[in-house]
């Protein structure tokens, strides 16, 4: 079992930056691929970014590629999402998610791939 707690959301102007953090409980954080998703008003939850267990592989949605960076610190049981050049359309509740996997290098971008979710953190980008 793993519990995930996101933090770092808030209100920012367009063009600004935020860094989200997702802290995991337990001692097996390095056994999980970690993903970030978001759900905007009236929209379905969508994939944003994923990082493999080892941190060596990442994958991004086209909508955030080049602006967002996912990283992890296995010693701190934490995954991060650095968000730069934010746009009003990035406004959403951001969720981190964990998928246990034996493969150190695989990444997963399907919502149904993940069994563990945080409670979400609100990001609002004003124009």
C-alpha atoms as a PDB file:
ATOM      1  CA  UNK A   1       0.000   0.000   0.000  1.00  0.00           C
ATOM      2  CA  UNK A   2       1.117   3.515  -0.698  1.00  0.00           C
ATOM      3  CA  UNK A   3      -0.388   6.850   0.208  1.00  0.00           C
ATOM      4  CA  UNK A   4       0.276   9.893  -1.940  1.00  0.00           C
ATOM      5  CA  UNK A   5       0.020  13.535  -0.915  1.00  0.00           C
ATOM      6  CA  UNK A   6       0.381  16.335  -3.449  1.00  0.00           C
ATOM      7  CA  UNK A   7       1.417  19.877  -2.628  1.00  0.00           C
ATOM      8  CA  UNK A   8       2.615  23.021  -4.362  1.00  0.00           C
ATOM      9  CA  UNK A   9      -0.500  24.071  -6.208  1.00  0.00           C
ATOM     10  CA  UNK A  10      -1.798  27.616  -6.215  1.00  0.00           C
ATOM     11  CA  UNK A  11      -2.665  30.665  -8.253  1.00  0.00           C
ATOM     12  CA  UNK A  12      -0.145  31.916 -10.810  1.00  0.00           C
ATOM     13  CA  UNK A  13      -0.201  34.320 -13.724  1.00  0.00           C
ATOM     14  CA  UNK A  14       0.162  33.107 -17.269  1.00  0.00           C
ATOM     15  CA  UNK A  15       3.819  32.611 -18.105  1.00  0.00           C
ATOM     16  CA  UNK A  16       4.691  31.803 -14.530  1.00  0.00           C
ATOM     17  CA  UNK A  17       5.985  28.625 -12.922  1.00  0.00           C
ATOM     18  CA  UNK A  18       5.018  26.221 -10.184  1.00  0.00           C
ATOM     19  CA  UNK A  19       6.583  23.069  -8.825  1.00  0.00           C
ATOM     20  CA  UNK A  20       4.299  20.350  -7.588  1.00  0.00           C
ATOM     21  CA  UNK A  21       5.472  17.693  -5.172  1.00  0.00           C
ATOM     22  CA  UNK A  22       3.991  14.312  -4.391  1.00  0.00           C
ATOM     23  CA  UNK A  23       5.196  12.603  -1.251  1.00  0.00           C
ATOM     24  CA  UNK A  24       4.718   8.892  -0.808  1.00  0.00           C
ATOM     25  CA  UNK A  25       4.426   6.908   2.383  1.00  0.00           C
ATOM     26  CA  UNK A  26       6.028   3.522   2.774  1.00  0.00           C
ATOM     27  CA  UNK A  27       9.467   2.140   2.063  1.00  0.00           C
ATOM     28  CA  UNK A  28       8.914   0.847  -1.469  1.00  0.00           C
ATOM     29  CA  UNK A  29       8.641   4.069  -3.437  1.00  0.00           C
ATOM     30  CA  UNK A  30      11.346   2.931  -5.840  1.00  0.00           C
ATOM     31  CA  UNK A  31       9.138   0.007  -6.879  1.00  0.00           C
ATOM     32  CA  UNK A  32       6.578   2.346  -8.461  1.00  0.00           C
ATOM     33  CA  UNK A  33       6.388   4.136 -11.753  1.00  0.00           C
ATOM     34  CA  UNK A  34       4.940   7.564 -10.995  1.00  0.00           C
ATOM     35  CA  UNK A  35       2.581   9.616 -13.099  1.00  0.00           C
ATOM     36  CA  UNK A  36       0.934  13.010 -13.062  1.00  0.00           C
ATOM     37  CA  UNK A  37      -2.581  13.585 -14.348  1.00  0.00           C
ATOM     38  CA  UNK A  38      -4.892  16.571 -14.335  1.00  0.00           C
ATOM     39  CA  UNK A  39      -8.601  17.225 -14.503  1.00  0.00           C
ATOM     40  CA  UNK A  40      -9.838  20.575 -15.706  1.00  0.00           C
ATOM     41  CA  UNK A  41     -13.346  21.947 -15.141  1.00  0.00           C
ATOM     42  CA  UNK A  42     -15.864  19.818 -16.996  1.00  0.00           C
ATOM     43  CA  UNK A  43     -13.152  17.612 -18.435  1.00  0.00           C
ATOM     44  CA  UNK A  44     -12.003  14.059 -17.950  1.00  0.00           C
ATOM     45  CA  UNK A  45      -8.807  13.278 -16.087  1.00  0.00           C
ATOM     46  CA  UNK A  46      -5.933  13.307 -18.555  1.00  0.00           C
ATOM     47  CA  UNK A  47      -2.367  12.055 -18.565  1.00  0.00           C
ATOM     48  CA  UNK A  48       0.400  14.657 -18.199  1.00  0.00           C
ATOM     49  CA  UNK A  49       3.700  12.958 -17.475  1.00  0.00           C
ATOM     50  CA  UNK A  50       5.252   9.742 -16.208  1.00  0.00           C
ATOM     51  CA  UNK A  51       8.619   8.679 -14.879  1.00  0.00           C
ATOM     52  CA  UNK A  52       9.937   5.153 -14.580  1.00  0.00           C
ATOM     53  CA  UNK A  53      11.013   3.497 -11.359  1.00  0.00           C
ATOM     54  CA  UNK A  54      14.635   4.293 -11.993  1.00  0.00           C
ATOM     55  CA  UNK A  55      13.977   7.809 -13.232  1.00  0.00           C
ATOM     56  CA  UNK A  56      15.723   7.005 -16.468  1.00  0.00           C
ATOM     57  CA  UNK A  57      12.646   7.138 -18.663  1.00  0.00           C
ATOM     58  CA  UNK A  58      10.037   9.861 -18.931  1.00  0.00           C
ATOM     59  CA  UNK A  59       7.113  10.542 -21.223  1.00  0.00           C
ATOM     60  CA  UNK A  60       4.919  13.618 -21.644  1.00  0.00           C
ATOM     61  CA  UNK A  61       1.611  14.566 -23.163  1.00  0.00           C
ATOM     62  CA  UNK A  62       2.028  16.756 -26.218  1.00  0.00           C
ATOM     63  CA  UNK A  63       0.178  19.578 -24.460  1.00  0.00           C
ATOM     64  CA  UNK A  64       2.949  19.985 -21.860  1.00  0.00           C
ATOM     65  CA  UNK A  65       6.038  18.743 -23.663  1.00  0.00           C
ATOM     66  CA  UNK A  66       8.846  21.275 -23.441  1.00  0.00           C
ATOM     67  CA  UNK A  67       7.149  23.171 -20.590  1.00  0.00           C
ATOM     68  CA  UNK A  68       6.772  20.578 -17.824  1.00  0.00           C
ATOM     69  CA  UNK A  69       9.458  18.349 -16.331  1.00  0.00           C
ATOM     70  CA  UNK A  70       8.866  15.307 -14.162  1.00  0.00           C
ATOM     71  CA  UNK A  71      11.559  14.084 -11.776  1.00  0.00           C
ATOM     72  CA  UNK A  72      11.859  11.904  -8.710  1.00  0.00           C
ATOM     73  CA  UNK A  73      14.009  11.544  -5.635  1.00  0.00           C
ATOM     74  CA  UNK A  74      13.753   7.956  -4.437  1.00  0.00           C
ATOM     75  CA  UNK A  75      15.674   8.777  -1.261  1.00  0.00           C
ATOM     76  CA  UNK A  76      12.941  11.279  -0.338  1.00  0.00           C
ATOM     77  CA  UNK A  77      10.032   9.188  -1.634  1.00  0.00           C
ATOM     78  CA  UNK A  78       8.938  12.164  -3.705  1.00  0.00           C
ATOM     79  CA  UNK A  79       8.059  12.885  -7.312  1.00  0.00           C
ATOM     80  CA  UNK A  80       8.025  16.406  -8.712  1.00  0.00           C
ATOM     81  CA  UNK A  81       6.402  18.231 -11.586  1.00  0.00           C
ATOM     82  CA  UNK A  82       8.126  21.447 -12.608  1.00  0.00           C
ATOM     83  CA  UNK A  83       5.686  23.528 -14.631  1.00  0.00           C
ATOM     84  CA  UNK A  84       6.985  26.468 -16.639  1.00  0.00           C
ATOM     85  CA  UNK A  85       5.367  28.848 -19.129  1.00  0.00           C
ATOM     86  CA  UNK A  86       1.985  28.132 -17.628  1.00  0.00           C
ATOM     87  CA  UNK A  87      -1.134  28.881 -19.638  1.00  0.00           C
ATOM     88  CA  UNK A  88      -4.739  29.439 -18.538  1.00  0.00           C
ATOM     89  CA  UNK A  89      -5.628  26.110 -20.126  1.00  0.00           C
ATOM     90  CA  UNK A  90      -3.324  24.415 -17.607  1.00  0.00           C
ATOM     91  CA  UNK A  91      -5.844  25.265 -14.898  1.00  0.00           C
ATOM     92  CA  UNK A  92      -6.897  21.982 -13.298  1.00  0.00           C
ATOM     93  CA  UNK A  93      -6.651  19.761 -10.274  1.00  0.00           C
ATOM     94  CA  UNK A  94      -3.369  17.892 -10.560  1.00  0.00           C
ATOM     95  CA  UNK A  95      -3.061  14.327  -9.290  1.00  0.00           C
ATOM     96  CA  UNK A  96      -0.085  12.073  -8.832  1.00  0.00           C
ATOM     97  CA  UNK A  97      -0.466   8.341  -9.238  1.00  0.00           C
ATOM     98  CA  UNK A  98       1.620   5.249  -8.580  1.00  0.00           C
ATOM     99  CA  UNK A  99       1.905   1.940 -10.385  1.00  0.00           C
ATOM    100  CA  UNK A 100       3.898  -0.918  -8.875  1.00  0.00           C
ATOM    101  CA  UNK A 101       6.061  -2.563 -11.499  1.00  0.00           C
ATOM    102  CA  UNK A 102       8.938  -4.982 -11.713  1.00  0.00           C
ATOM    103  CA  UNK A 103      10.296  -3.172 -14.764  1.00  0.00           C
ATOM    104  CA  UNK A 104      12.701  -0.375 -13.874  1.00  0.00           C
ATOM    105  CA  UNK A 105      12.478   1.333 -17.237  1.00  0.00           C
ATOM    106  CA  UNK A 106       8.861   1.137 -18.327  1.00  0.00           C
ATOM    107  CA  UNK A 107       6.512   4.089 -18.383  1.00  0.00           C
ATOM    108  CA  UNK A 108       2.711   3.980 -18.326  1.00  0.00           C
ATOM    109  CA  UNK A 109       0.306   6.651 -19.512  1.00  0.00           C
ATOM    110  CA  UNK A 110      -3.082   5.029 -19.212  1.00  0.00           C
ATOM    111  CA  UNK A 111      -5.291   6.218 -16.401  1.00  0.00           C
ATOM    112  CA  UNK A 112      -6.332   2.622 -15.703  1.00  0.00           C
ATOM    113  CA  UNK A 113      -2.690   1.571 -15.319  1.00  0.00           C
ATOM    114  CA  UNK A 114      -2.524   3.249 -11.924  1.00  0.00           C
ATOM    115  CA  UNK A 115      -3.958   1.854  -8.733  1.00  0.00           C
ATOM    116  CA  UNK A 116      -2.916   4.512  -6.257  1.00  0.00           C
ATOM    117  CA  UNK A 117      -3.891   8.189  -6.392  1.00  0.00           C
ATOM    118  CA  UNK A 118      -3.372  11.288  -4.341  1.00  0.00           C
ATOM    119  CA  UNK A 119      -6.129  13.687  -3.363  1.00  0.00           C
ATOM    120  CA  UNK A 120      -5.074  16.334  -5.879  1.00  0.00           C
ATOM    121  CA  UNK A 121      -3.838  19.904  -5.721  1.00  0.00           C
ATOM    122  CA  UNK A 122      -5.459  22.853  -7.482  1.00  0.00           C
ATOM    123  CA  UNK A 123      -3.495  24.856 -10.035  1.00  0.00           C
ATOM    124  CA  UNK A 124      -5.103  28.024 -11.344  1.00  0.00           C
ATOM    125  CA  UNK A 125      -3.467  30.073 -14.080  1.00  0.00           C
ATOM    126  CA  UNK A 126      -4.840  33.553 -14.618  1.00  0.00           C
ATOM    127  CA  UNK A 127      -4.613  35.367 -17.927  1.00  0.00           C
END
